Amino acid sequence: MQEHYVKDILEKLKSGELSEYYVKKEEFMDFRQFLVKRDDFKHFRGIGQRGGDVLYQYLEEPRS
């Protein structure tokens, strides 16, 4: 995954333009490397799916 593509998705989640985003197992590490660099990292919730895929959502309140 390219950095500008991931950053665009993360901004759309934050703005509410996307309510959730599905990341395939094969793309998870590429996606995550850009996610963890964000200041609002704790606002993103990743919900593990069967088979290793992850569904990401943006939370108004940061998770603990």
C-alpha atoms as a PDB file:
ATOM      1  CA  MET A   1       0.000   0.000   0.000  1.00  0.00           C
ATOM      2  CA  GLN A   2       1.242   3.454  -0.819  1.00  0.00           C
ATOM      3  CA  GLU A   3       1.584   6.071   1.905  1.00  0.00           C
ATOM      4  CA  HIS A   4      -0.613   8.716   0.262  1.00  0.00           C
ATOM      5  CA  TYR A   5      -3.403   6.142  -0.239  1.00  0.00           C
ATOM      6  CA  VAL A   6      -3.327   5.051   3.425  1.00  0.00           C
ATOM      7  CA  LYS A   7      -3.208   8.645   4.698  1.00  0.00           C
ATOM      8  CA  ASP A   8      -6.217   9.495   2.533  1.00  0.00           C
ATOM      9  CA  ILE A   9      -8.191   6.569   3.981  1.00  0.00           C
ATOM     10  CA  LEU A  10      -7.262   7.530   7.541  1.00  0.00           C
ATOM     11  CA  GLU A  11      -8.349  11.135   6.966  1.00  0.00           C
ATOM     12  CA  LYS A  12     -11.670   9.942   5.510  1.00  0.00           C
ATOM     13  CA  LEU A  13     -12.247   7.779   8.585  1.00  0.00           C
ATOM     14  CA  LYS A  14     -11.453  10.740  10.839  1.00  0.00           C
ATOM     15  CA  SER A  15     -13.765  13.118   8.964  1.00  0.00           C
ATOM     16  CA  GLY A  16     -16.625  10.618   8.902  1.00  0.00           C
ATOM     17  CA  GLU A  17     -16.596  10.329   5.124  1.00  0.00           C
ATOM     18  CA  LEU A  18     -15.958   6.610   5.724  1.00  0.00           C
ATOM     19  CA  SER A  19     -17.531   4.861   8.710  1.00  0.00           C
ATOM     20  CA  GLU A  20     -15.152   1.907   8.503  1.00  0.00           C
ATOM     21  CA  TYR A  21     -12.398   0.461   6.341  1.00  0.00           C
ATOM     22  CA  TYR A  22     -11.576  -3.193   5.756  1.00  0.00           C
ATOM     23  CA  VAL A  23      -7.887  -4.150   5.554  1.00  0.00           C
ATOM     24  CA  LYS A  24      -6.905  -7.538   4.163  1.00  0.00           C
ATOM     25  CA  LYS A  25      -4.428  -9.663   6.077  1.00  0.00           C
ATOM     26  CA  GLU A  26      -1.818  -9.218   3.341  1.00  0.00           C
ATOM     27  CA  GLU A  27      -2.027  -5.398   3.589  1.00  0.00           C
ATOM     28  CA  PHE A  28      -2.201  -5.130   7.372  1.00  0.00           C
ATOM     29  CA  MET A  29       1.478  -4.422   8.113  1.00  0.00           C
ATOM     30  CA  ASP A  30       1.744  -1.844   5.316  1.00  0.00           C
ATOM     31  CA  PHE A  31      -1.410  -0.095   6.570  1.00  0.00           C
ATOM     32  CA  ARG A  32      -0.397  -0.221  10.226  1.00  0.00           C
ATOM     33  CA  GLN A  33       3.053   1.290   9.697  1.00  0.00           C
ATOM     34  CA  PHE A  34       1.415   4.578   8.655  1.00  0.00           C
ATOM     35  CA  LEU A  35      -1.376   4.374  11.237  1.00  0.00           C
ATOM     36  CA  VAL A  36       0.920   4.128  14.283  1.00  0.00           C
ATOM     37  CA  LYS A  37       2.812   7.285  13.257  1.00  0.00           C
ATOM     38  CA  ARG A  38      -0.306   9.449  13.650  1.00  0.00           C
ATOM     39  CA  ASP A  39      -0.875  11.645  16.693  1.00  0.00           C
ATOM     40  CA  ASP A  40      -4.486  10.429  16.849  1.00  0.00           C
ATOM     41  CA  PHE A  41      -3.511   6.736  16.659  1.00  0.00           C
ATOM     42  CA  LYS A  42      -5.524   5.909  19.797  1.00  0.00           C
ATOM     43  CA  HIS A  43      -8.721   7.097  18.090  1.00  0.00           C
ATOM     44  CA  PHE A  44      -8.574   4.236  15.602  1.00  0.00           C
ATOM     45  CA  ARG A  45     -10.071   0.885  16.569  1.00  0.00           C
ATOM     46  CA  GLY A  46      -9.074  -2.231  14.696  1.00  0.00           C
ATOM     47  CA  ILE A  47     -11.477  -5.147  14.974  1.00  0.00           C
ATOM     48  CA  GLY A  48      -9.888  -8.459  14.030  1.00  0.00           C
ATOM     49  CA  GLN A  49     -11.862 -10.580  11.598  1.00  0.00           C
ATOM     50  CA  ARG A  50     -11.751 -14.276  10.886  1.00  0.00           C
ATOM     51  CA  GLY A  51      -8.753 -15.087   8.697  1.00  0.00           C
ATOM     52  CA  GLY A  52      -6.578 -12.190   9.886  1.00  0.00           C
ATOM     53  CA  ASP A  53      -8.319  -9.241   8.207  1.00  0.00           C
ATOM     54  CA  VAL A  54      -9.009  -6.090  10.254  1.00  0.00           C
ATOM     55  CA  LEU A  55     -11.936  -3.666  10.208  1.00  0.00           C
ATOM     56  CA  TYR A  56     -10.907  -0.131  11.233  1.00  0.00           C
ATOM     57  CA  GLN A  57     -13.182   2.540  12.692  1.00  0.00           C
ATOM     58  CA  TYR A  58     -12.519   6.030  14.051  1.00  0.00           C
ATOM     59  CA  LEU A  59     -13.608   6.816  17.609  1.00  0.00           C
ATOM     60  CA  GLU A  60     -14.360  10.297  18.936  1.00  0.00           C
ATOM     61  CA  GLU A  61     -12.853   9.346  22.299  1.00  0.00           C
ATOM     62  CA  PRO A  62      -9.393   7.710  22.283  1.00  0.00           C
ATOM     63  CA  ARG A  63      -9.234   4.160  23.490  1.00  0.00           C
ATOM     64  CA  SER A  64      -7.259   3.476  26.642  1.00  0.00           C
END
